[in-house]
Amino acid sequence: MAYMSRAPENNSAAAGHGYHGPDLISGLPDELLHHVLTFVPTLDSICTSVLSRRWIDVWTRVPQLILRDEILDIELMTDILSRYAADVYITDLKICYHWDYPQLYEAQVTSWAEFAAQRVTGRVDLSVTTQFETAWPNEFVDLPCFGWATEISIYSSGMAVRLPPPAAVTGGGDEFTRLTRLQMSHLRLSDDGEGISDVVSRRCPRLEILELDHIGDGVYDDVISLSLHSESLQSLRIVSVCCLRRLEVDAANMHEMRVEYCFAESNGPTAMRLSAPAMEVLGWEDKCPNEVELITLPMFLKELFYSEIPDPRSYRVAEILEHFARVGVLRLSLIHRVQLPYCSELDLSVITKQHMSYGSCIIHFLKRNSTIRSLALTLHAYHPEMCRVHKSNSIAAAAGHSYNGPDLISSLPNEIFHHVLIILTTPETIRTSVLSHRWIGVWTQLF
């Protein structure tokens, strides 16, 4: 009789027995251990220092350092940075602290920024929050020049950030030499915009992407003016830069620009001066400034997203929109009759008033622009007291409100009907035949 012999059990670890063989991992080269530890959370990487004498300082040379919110001790985070090997450059540094207690102060964040400026050759991500947003208006996070970093992202909720002194004061020399991307969000700047203007225009020779999101709070430090001159800048996005009054952009190689809710919050006179001959994509969701100077812009764009916030004090309507002669994809929120550029794809969001003149306005647009091949139409109600787009007509219909105005939809050409109906399910499409005599055979032409 044949018997099946049981293989020797090697899962001694699972049975609670330790491994007593040779330490093969510790014999690996340092470079390989450092690479392996980049896949391990930083706290776990630090814990390897208790394995043996061989591992005591291995974690201090890992090129990736990520300190997250699980570390509750601010002093511990600072101690980790101080123990890092002095001759190691970090390719990825992330420091994140959003606890209410212990309270984080500007001086501590400044020390972290100074460490990053001296040691990081890749990406810096500094995300911190203070509990007292306006209690210390004269305290700042002082940012040094990052001579080695390629990407910088700073989120500093409740804190004011002070950029390095202008090049004219320092005599030059201190630059963000390798920086290609700068993102700043939810923070206050210590000046009226002079610091960030100087950094972008004079100290970032390789900057390609600039994003400013929710800058200023309308109480202490607001950006009054932005003057950006850059040959390297390719993409610019500014969103909710509180109380901006003047925007000047001179970027010969910029392909994309988006401006949202910056001039809308300003009470004084506003102005914009724009020179971007290589622009391909423009996004605008803001008031039209009182003064607009379009020095060098192309007549043709690939994509244009335009939603102008109405200003009852101004008669300037869609001046930026009407500059362009042709657009590949146009997404438009329309309030008034404007001269549309020729486009092949139109995403039209119409803000209606109490009268129904938008119907004839839409038909006029469609008739005069024979290049449109794709159309998406959305109707919204306009509330002047909010200067915002509110509840759409489709939502009102779902709430049980009926529409008693003229039937403007039925006067549209069959081609537009067919484009709309292909979005619906077949049963919903067939049900349209009961709307009126005009709709009886429309659905049958889709199949």
Protein backbone atom coordinates (compact mmCIF):
# COMPACT_ATOMS: atom_id res chain seq x y z
CA MET A 1 0.00 0.00 0.00
CA ALA A 2 1.29 3.37 -0.99
CA TYR A 3 1.23 6.25 1.49
CA MET A 4 1.40 9.98 0.78
CA SER A 5 4.09 11.49 2.92
CA ARG A 6 3.44 14.92 4.46
CA ALA A 7 5.80 17.65 3.44
CA PRO A 8 7.75 19.27 6.26
CA GLU A 9 5.99 22.27 7.72
CA ASN A 10 7.89 25.50 7.04
CA ASN A 11 5.19 27.92 8.16
CA SER A 12 6.67 28.19 11.61
CA ALA A 13 5.93 31.90 11.72
CA ALA A 14 2.24 31.21 11.39
CA ALA A 15 2.51 28.73 14.25
CA GLY A 16 4.08 31.32 16.49
CA HIS A 17 7.70 30.28 16.00
CA GLY A 18 10.32 32.82 15.00
CA TYR A 19 12.62 32.55 12.02
CA HIS A 20 16.06 31.29 13.04
CA GLY A 21 17.76 31.22 9.68
CA PRO A 22 20.31 33.67 8.35
CA ASP A 23 19.39 37.35 8.02
CA LEU A 24 19.30 37.58 4.22
CA ILE A 25 17.52 40.93 3.99
CA SER A 26 20.08 42.79 6.05
CA GLY A 27 22.73 41.63 3.64
CA LEU A 28 21.15 43.53 0.74
CA PRO A 29 22.79 46.73 -0.48
CA ASP A 30 21.66 50.01 1.07
CA GLU A 31 20.33 51.29 -2.25
CA LEU A 32 17.95 48.34 -2.52
CA LEU A 33 16.76 48.69 1.08
CA HIS A 34 16.08 52.39 0.54
CA HIS A 35 14.07 51.58 -2.58
CA VAL A 36 12.01 48.96 -0.71
CA LEU A 37 11.26 51.37 2.14
CA THR A 38 9.81 53.95 -0.26
CA PHE A 39 6.81 51.60 -0.53
CA VAL A 40 6.39 51.53 3.27
CA PRO A 41 4.70 54.27 5.36
CA THR A 42 7.31 56.54 6.93
CA LEU A 43 6.38 55.55 10.49
CA ASP A 44 6.82 51.86 9.64
CA SER A 45 10.10 52.70 7.96
CA ILE A 46 11.31 54.40 11.15
CA CYS A 47 10.29 51.34 13.20
CA THR A 48 12.78 49.19 11.28
CA SER A 49 15.52 50.90 13.28
CA VAL A 50 14.82 48.48 16.20
CA LEU A 51 15.50 45.34 14.12
CA SER A 52 19.26 45.34 14.54
CA ARG A 53 22.31 47.58 14.58
CA ARG A 54 22.38 47.27 10.78
CA TRP A 55 18.98 48.99 10.50
CA ILE A 56 19.45 51.86 12.95
CA ASP A 57 20.00 54.57 10.35
CA VAL A 58 18.62 52.97 7.19
CA TRP A 59 15.38 54.96 7.32
CA THR A 60 17.27 58.26 7.49
CA ARG A 61 18.48 57.78 3.91
CA VAL A 62 15.20 56.87 2.21
CA PRO A 63 14.59 59.42 -0.60
CA GLN A 64 10.87 59.67 0.23
CA LEU A 65 9.56 61.18 3.45
CA ILE A 66 5.84 61.42 4.15
CA LEU A 67 4.64 62.74 7.52
CA ARG A 68 0.89 62.53 7.78
CA ASP A 69 -1.78 63.39 10.34
CA GLU A 70 -1.28 60.13 12.27
CA ILE A 71 1.67 61.82 13.98
CA LEU A 72 0.06 63.91 16.73
CA ASP A 73 3.28 65.27 18.19
CA ILE A 74 4.63 68.37 16.40
CA GLU A 75 7.97 68.02 18.15
CA LEU A 76 8.23 64.42 16.93
CA MET A 77 7.72 65.56 13.35
CA THR A 78 10.45 68.16 13.78
CA ASP A 79 12.75 65.57 15.40
CA ILE A 80 12.28 63.20 12.46
CA LEU A 81 13.39 65.93 10.07
CA SER A 82 16.41 66.81 12.19
CA ARG A 83 17.62 63.17 12.32
CA TYR A 84 17.53 62.75 8.57
CA ALA A 85 20.94 62.12 7.02
CA ALA A 86 22.54 65.42 6.06
CA ASP A 87 24.00 64.17 2.78
CA VAL A 88 20.75 62.70 1.39
CA TYR A 89 18.52 64.58 -1.03
CA ILE A 90 14.80 63.83 -0.86
CA THR A 91 12.80 63.39 -4.06
CA ASP A 92 9.35 63.48 -2.42
CA LEU A 93 8.49 65.28 0.84
CA LYS A 94 4.96 65.57 2.20
CA ILE A 95 4.11 67.13 5.56
CA CYS A 96 0.46 67.16 6.58
CA TYR A 97 -0.88 68.47 9.90
CA HIS A 98 -4.50 69.48 10.49
CA TRP A 99 -5.09 68.86 14.18
CA ASP A 100 -6.58 71.50 16.48
CA TYR A 101 -4.32 70.41 19.32
CA PRO A 102 -1.43 70.75 19.77
CA GLN A 103 -1.68 74.11 18.09
CA LEU A 104 0.63 74.66 15.14
CA TYR A 105 2.38 78.02 14.81
CA GLU A 106 3.95 79.84 11.90
CA ALA A 107 7.52 79.49 13.19
CA GLN A 108 7.27 75.71 13.15
CA VAL A 109 5.94 75.66 9.60
CA THR A 110 8.74 78.03 8.58
CA SER A 111 11.34 75.59 9.93
CA TRP A 112 9.76 72.77 7.91
CA ALA A 113 9.83 74.92 4.78
CA GLU A 114 13.52 75.72 5.34
CA PHE A 115 14.29 72.01 5.64
CA ALA A 116 12.46 71.34 2.38
CA ALA A 117 14.27 74.14 0.57
CA GLN A 118 17.67 72.70 1.53
CA ARG A 119 16.98 69.01 1.01
CA VAL A 120 14.27 68.34 -1.59
CA THR A 121 15.15 67.85 -5.25
CA GLY A 122 11.69 66.80 -6.38
CA ARG A 123 8.20 67.45 -5.00
CA VAL A 124 7.32 69.41 -1.85
CA ASP A 125 3.78 69.14 -0.46
CA LEU A 126 3.17 71.22 2.68
CA SER A 127 -0.41 71.08 3.96
CA VAL A 128 -1.15 72.60 7.38
CA THR A 129 -4.00 74.24 9.28
CA THR A 130 -4.05 76.59 12.24
CA GLN A 131 -6.96 76.90 14.61
CA PHE A 132 -6.74 80.69 14.93
CA GLU A 133 -7.28 82.02 11.43
CA THR A 134 -7.13 85.74 12.19
CA ALA A 135 -5.78 85.91 15.72
CA TRP A 136 -2.21 86.67 14.66
CA PRO A 137 -2.32 89.01 11.64
CA ASN A 138 1.37 89.90 11.98
CA GLU A 139 2.70 86.32 12.08
CA PHE A 140 3.82 84.74 8.81
CA VAL A 141 5.11 81.51 7.35
CA ASP A 142 8.36 82.68 5.75
CA LEU A 143 9.07 80.77 2.56
CA PRO A 144 12.70 80.61 1.46
CA CYS A 145 13.87 80.10 -2.12
CA PHE A 146 13.61 76.47 -3.20
CA GLY A 147 16.67 76.10 -5.39
CA TRP A 148 16.27 72.35 -6.01
CA ALA A 149 12.56 71.50 -5.86
CA THR A 150 10.69 70.88 -9.12
CA GLU A 151 7.13 70.97 -7.72
CA ILE A 152 5.75 72.89 -4.74
CA SER A 153 2.24 72.60 -3.31
CA ILE A 154 1.34 74.71 -0.27
CA TYR A 155 -1.97 74.57 1.60
CA SER A 156 -1.90 76.81 4.66
CA SER A 157 -5.41 77.35 5.96
CA GLY A 158 -5.56 80.20 8.44
CA MET A 159 -1.93 81.24 7.98
CA ALA A 160 -0.36 84.09 6.08
CA VAL A 161 2.58 83.27 3.83
CA ARG A 162 5.45 85.67 3.21
CA LEU A 163 7.45 85.05 0.05
CA PRO A 164 11.17 85.86 -0.26
CA PRO A 165 12.05 89.56 -0.63
CA PRO A 166 12.05 90.91 -4.19
CA ALA A 167 15.12 90.30 -6.31
CA ALA A 168 15.75 94.06 -6.36
CA VAL A 169 16.21 93.99 -2.57
CA THR A 170 18.37 90.88 -2.32
CA GLY A 171 20.43 91.71 -5.39
CA GLY A 172 19.32 88.54 -7.20
CA GLY A 173 20.95 85.13 -7.01
CA ASP A 174 18.21 83.43 -4.96
CA GLU A 175 15.96 81.69 -7.47
CA PHE A 176 13.56 78.78 -7.79
CA THR A 177 15.94 77.42 -10.42
CA ARG A 178 14.32 74.04 -11.15
CA LEU A 179 10.71 74.78 -10.24
CA THR A 180 8.21 73.73 -12.94
CA ARG A 181 4.93 73.68 -10.95
CA LEU A 182 3.72 75.97 -8.15
CA GLN A 183 0.37 75.48 -6.43
CA MET A 184 -0.82 77.66 -3.53
CA SER A 185 -4.27 77.28 -1.98
CA HIS A 186 -6.36 78.45 0.98
CA LEU A 187 -3.84 80.88 2.38
CA ARG A 188 -3.19 84.59 2.79
CA LEU A 189 -0.23 86.40 1.29
CA SER A 190 1.56 89.05 3.33
CA ASP A 191 1.57 91.66 0.56
CA ASP A 192 -0.77 92.91 -2.16
CA GLY A 193 0.55 90.40 -4.70
CA GLU A 194 4.01 91.86 -5.20
CA GLY A 195 5.76 88.80 -3.78
CA ILE A 196 4.13 86.17 -5.98
CA SER A 197 4.43 88.48 -9.00
CA ASP A 198 8.17 88.85 -8.39
CA VAL A 199 8.71 85.12 -7.84
CA VAL A 200 6.90 84.12 -11.03
CA SER A 201 8.28 86.90 -13.21
CA ARG A 202 11.92 87.03 -12.07
CA ARG A 203 12.81 83.91 -10.09
CA CYS A 204 11.23 80.93 -11.85
CA PRO A 205 12.95 80.51 -15.21
CA ARG A 206 11.40 77.04 -15.77
CA LEU A 207 7.93 77.48 -14.28
CA GLU A 208 5.29 75.81 -16.48
CA ILE A 209 2.20 75.52 -14.26
CA LEU A 210 0.89 78.11 -11.77
CA GLU A 211 -2.27 77.57 -9.70
CA LEU A 212 -3.58 80.08 -7.14
CA ASP A 213 -6.73 78.87 -5.39
CA HIS A 214 -8.64 80.72 -2.63
CA ILE A 215 -6.01 83.34 -1.84
CA GLY A 216 -6.91 86.03 0.72
CA ASP A 217 -9.80 86.31 3.15
CA GLY A 218 -11.10 89.84 2.59
CA VAL A 219 -10.01 90.85 6.12
CA TYR A 220 -6.23 91.20 6.33
CA ASP A 221 -4.11 90.21 3.32
CA ASP A 222 -5.60 90.28 -0.16
CA VAL A 223 -3.97 90.15 -3.55
CA ILE A 224 -4.80 93.48 -5.15
CA SER A 225 -2.66 93.07 -8.25
CA LEU A 226 -1.02 90.21 -10.13
CA SER A 227 1.63 90.99 -12.72
CA LEU A 228 2.94 87.78 -14.29
CA HIS A 229 5.61 87.87 -17.00
CA SER A 230 7.03 84.50 -17.99
CA GLU A 231 8.44 82.91 -21.12
CA SER A 232 8.17 79.39 -19.67
CA LEU A 233 4.62 79.50 -18.23
CA GLN A 234 2.26 77.13 -20.07
CA SER A 235 -0.77 76.86 -17.78
CA LEU A 236 -2.32 79.45 -15.43
CA ARG A 237 -5.27 78.89 -13.11
CA ILE A 238 -6.44 81.53 -10.61
CA VAL A 239 -9.58 80.84 -8.57
CA SER A 240 -11.11 83.03 -5.85
CA VAL A 241 -8.15 85.37 -5.50
CA CYS A 242 -10.02 87.66 -3.15
CA CYS A 243 -10.57 91.28 -4.21
CA LEU A 244 -8.29 91.18 -7.26
CA ARG A 245 -8.32 94.53 -9.05
CA ARG A 246 -5.66 94.17 -11.71
CA LEU A 247 -4.40 91.15 -13.65
CA GLU A 248 -1.52 91.47 -16.08
CA VAL A 249 -0.29 88.37 -17.89
CA ASP A 250 2.47 88.33 -20.48
CA ALA A 251 3.23 84.70 -21.35
CA ALA A 252 4.38 83.94 -24.87
CA ASN A 253 4.12 80.14 -24.48
CA MET A 254 0.99 79.83 -22.33
CA HIS A 255 -1.48 77.33 -23.79
CA GLU A 256 -4.19 77.33 -21.10
CA MET A 257 -5.64 79.97 -18.78
CA ARG A 258 -8.58 79.78 -16.36
CA VAL A 259 -9.96 82.64 -14.25
CA GLU A 260 -12.81 82.07 -11.77
CA TYR A 261 -14.41 84.44 -9.23
CA CYS A 262 -11.55 86.89 -8.78
CA PHE A 263 -12.84 90.24 -10.08
CA ALA A 264 -16.35 89.39 -8.85
CA GLU A 265 -15.35 90.06 -5.23
CA SER A 266 -13.68 93.42 -5.90
CA ASN A 267 -15.51 96.65 -5.09
CA GLY A 268 -13.11 99.02 -6.85
CA PRO A 269 -12.27 99.54 -10.53
CA THR A 270 -10.78 96.48 -12.22
CA ALA A 271 -8.47 96.00 -15.20
CA MET A 272 -6.86 93.18 -17.17
CA ARG A 273 -3.99 93.23 -19.64
CA LEU A 274 -3.41 89.98 -21.48
CA SER A 275 -0.77 88.87 -23.96
CA ALA A 276 -0.76 85.14 -24.78
CA PRO A 277 -0.25 84.49 -28.49
CA ALA A 278 -0.01 80.68 -28.05
CA MET A 279 -3.25 80.28 -26.06
CA GLU A 280 -5.40 77.26 -27.00
CA VAL A 281 -7.78 76.86 -24.04
CA LEU A 282 -9.46 79.69 -22.11
CA GLY A 283 -11.80 79.30 -19.15
CA TRP A 284 -13.56 82.40 -17.81
CA GLU A 285 -16.11 82.43 -14.98
CA ASP A 286 -15.95 85.95 -13.61
CA LYS A 287 -17.00 89.55 -14.15
CA CYS A 288 -15.60 91.32 -17.14
CA PRO A 289 -13.06 93.88 -15.81
CA ASN A 290 -13.82 97.56 -16.31
CA GLU A 291 -10.77 97.86 -18.54
CA VAL A 292 -9.70 95.04 -20.85
CA GLU A 293 -6.58 95.24 -22.99
CA LEU A 294 -6.06 92.19 -25.19
CA ILE A 295 -2.64 92.87 -26.65
CA THR A 296 -1.76 89.61 -28.37
CA LEU A 297 -4.27 86.78 -28.49
CA PRO A 298 -4.99 84.23 -31.21
CA MET A 299 -8.25 84.52 -33.14
CA PHE A 300 -8.80 80.76 -32.93
CA LEU A 301 -9.06 78.55 -29.82
CA LYS A 302 -9.40 74.81 -29.33
CA GLU A 303 -11.66 75.19 -26.27
CA LEU A 304 -13.42 78.16 -24.70
CA PHE A 305 -15.36 77.93 -21.43
CA TYR A 306 -17.13 81.22 -20.82
CA SER A 307 -19.54 82.17 -18.04
CA GLU A 308 -19.67 85.86 -17.26
CA ILE A 309 -20.98 86.95 -13.87
CA PRO A 310 -23.40 89.83 -14.46
CA ASP A 311 -22.50 93.26 -13.14
CA PRO A 312 -25.50 95.65 -13.00
CA ARG A 313 -23.11 98.62 -12.85
CA SER A 314 -21.39 97.77 -16.11
CA TYR A 315 -22.55 97.74 -19.72
CA ARG A 316 -19.50 95.79 -20.85
CA VAL A 317 -20.80 92.42 -21.97
CA ALA A 318 -18.78 89.52 -23.34
CA GLU A 319 -15.90 91.66 -24.58
CA ILE A 320 -13.49 88.79 -24.05
CA LEU A 321 -15.76 86.28 -25.79
CA GLU A 322 -16.30 88.43 -28.84
CA HIS A 323 -12.57 88.73 -29.49
CA PHE A 324 -12.36 85.19 -30.89
CA ALA A 325 -13.47 84.35 -34.42
CA ARG A 326 -13.51 80.54 -34.23
CA VAL A 327 -13.54 77.98 -31.41
CA GLY A 328 -13.37 74.19 -31.61
CA VAL A 329 -15.42 73.50 -28.45
CA LEU A 330 -17.45 76.33 -26.90
CA ARG A 331 -19.08 76.02 -23.48
CA LEU A 332 -21.09 79.11 -22.85
CA SER A 333 -23.32 80.45 -20.09
CA LEU A 334 -25.31 83.14 -21.87
CA ILE A 335 -27.24 86.09 -20.44
CA HIS A 336 -27.31 88.60 -23.29
CA ARG A 337 -27.21 88.54 -27.07
CA VAL A 338 -23.57 88.35 -28.06
CA GLN A 339 -21.58 87.68 -31.19
CA LEU A 340 -20.56 84.03 -31.01
CA PRO A 341 -17.37 82.73 -32.56
CA TYR A 342 -17.79 79.94 -35.08
CA CYS A 343 -17.53 76.55 -33.37
CA SER A 344 -18.10 72.87 -34.11
CA GLU A 345 -19.24 71.86 -30.59
CA LEU A 346 -21.49 74.10 -28.50
CA ASP A 347 -22.43 73.48 -24.87
CA LEU A 348 -24.91 76.28 -24.24
CA SER A 349 -26.12 77.12 -20.74
CA VAL A 350 -28.76 79.86 -21.06
CA ILE A 351 -29.60 82.03 -18.07
CA THR A 352 -33.19 83.07 -18.59
CA LYS A 353 -34.94 86.13 -17.21
CA GLN A 354 -38.67 86.68 -16.67
CA HIS A 355 -39.31 87.13 -20.38
CA MET A 356 -38.90 84.36 -22.95
CA SER A 357 -36.67 86.09 -25.50
CA TYR A 358 -33.98 83.47 -25.06
CA GLY A 359 -35.83 81.16 -27.47
CA SER A 360 -35.43 83.45 -30.47
CA CYS A 361 -31.86 84.21 -29.34
CA ILE A 362 -30.97 80.52 -29.41
CA ILE A 363 -32.53 80.01 -32.83
CA HIS A 364 -30.62 83.04 -34.12
CA PHE A 365 -27.36 81.53 -32.89
CA LEU A 366 -28.08 78.20 -34.54
CA LYS A 367 -29.07 79.76 -37.85
CA ARG A 368 -26.04 82.01 -38.17
CA ASN A 369 -23.54 79.37 -37.08
CA SER A 370 -23.75 76.52 -39.56
CA THR A 371 -20.51 74.93 -38.33
CA ILE A 372 -22.08 73.47 -35.15
CA ARG A 373 -22.07 69.66 -35.24
CA SER A 374 -22.79 68.95 -31.59
CA LEU A 375 -25.16 70.86 -29.27
CA ALA A 376 -25.93 70.55 -25.55
CA LEU A 377 -28.51 72.97 -24.17
CA THR A 378 -29.27 73.75 -20.50
CA LEU A 379 -31.73 76.37 -19.20
CA HIS A 380 -31.24 78.09 -15.84
CA ALA A 381 -33.20 80.71 -13.93
CA TYR A 382 -31.45 84.05 -13.32
CA HIS A 383 -31.64 85.63 -9.86
CA PRO A 384 -30.13 89.13 -9.94
CA GLU A 385 -29.97 89.39 -6.18
CA MET A 386 -27.41 86.58 -6.10
CA CYS A 387 -25.67 87.10 -9.46
CA ARG A 388 -25.38 83.34 -9.69
CA VAL A 389 -27.01 80.51 -11.62
CA HIS A 390 -29.56 78.87 -9.39
CA LYS A 391 -32.19 76.20 -9.78
CA SER A 392 -32.55 74.89 -13.31
CA ASN A 393 -35.90 74.62 -15.06
CA SER A 394 -35.69 70.86 -15.03
CA ILE A 395 -35.47 70.86 -11.24
CA ALA A 396 -38.48 73.16 -11.01
CA ALA A 397 -40.46 70.82 -13.23
CA ALA A 398 -39.52 67.89 -11.00
CA ALA A 399 -40.84 69.85 -8.02
CA GLY A 400 -44.28 70.03 -9.62
CA HIS A 401 -44.17 73.48 -11.27
CA SER A 402 -45.59 73.69 -14.78
CA TYR A 403 -44.45 75.89 -17.66
CA ASN A 404 -47.18 78.01 -19.26
CA GLY A 405 -45.18 79.92 -21.88
CA PRO A 406 -45.04 79.40 -25.66
CA ASP A 407 -43.79 76.11 -27.13
CA LEU A 408 -40.35 77.17 -28.30
CA ILE A 409 -38.85 73.68 -28.47
CA SER A 410 -41.21 72.42 -31.16
CA SER A 411 -39.99 75.10 -33.56
CA LEU A 412 -36.45 73.68 -33.58
CA PRO A 413 -35.25 71.69 -36.62
CA ASN A 414 -35.56 67.88 -36.66
CA GLU A 415 -31.79 67.48 -36.55
CA ILE A 416 -31.67 69.05 -33.09
CA PHE A 417 -34.60 66.87 -31.93
CA HIS A 418 -32.75 63.77 -33.03
CA HIS A 419 -29.59 64.85 -31.21
CA VAL A 420 -31.54 65.34 -27.98
CA LEU A 421 -33.64 62.16 -28.26
CA ILE A 422 -30.69 59.82 -28.68
CA ILE A 423 -29.79 60.62 -25.08
CA LEU A 424 -33.15 59.23 -23.86
CA THR A 425 -34.18 55.60 -23.54
CA THR A 426 -36.33 54.15 -26.32
CA PRO A 427 -39.58 54.10 -24.26
CA GLU A 428 -39.04 57.76 -23.26
CA THR A 429 -38.38 58.68 -26.88
CA ILE A 430 -41.62 57.01 -28.06
CA ARG A 431 -43.64 58.82 -25.38
CA THR A 432 -42.76 62.19 -26.97
CA SER A 433 -45.23 61.37 -29.77
CA VAL A 434 -48.13 62.35 -27.48
CA LEU A 435 -46.85 65.91 -26.92
CA SER A 436 -48.36 67.41 -30.08
CA HIS A 437 -48.97 66.78 -33.77
CA ARG A 438 -45.44 68.09 -34.43
CA TRP A 439 -43.89 65.25 -32.41
CA ILE A 440 -45.86 62.29 -33.79
CA GLY A 441 -43.25 60.93 -36.18
CA VAL A 442 -40.06 62.43 -34.80
CA TRP A 443 -39.00 59.32 -32.89
CA THR A 444 -39.44 57.04 -35.90
CA GLN A 445 -36.66 58.84 -37.78
CA LEU A 446 -34.03 57.74 -35.23
CA PHE A 447 -34.13 54.04 -36.16
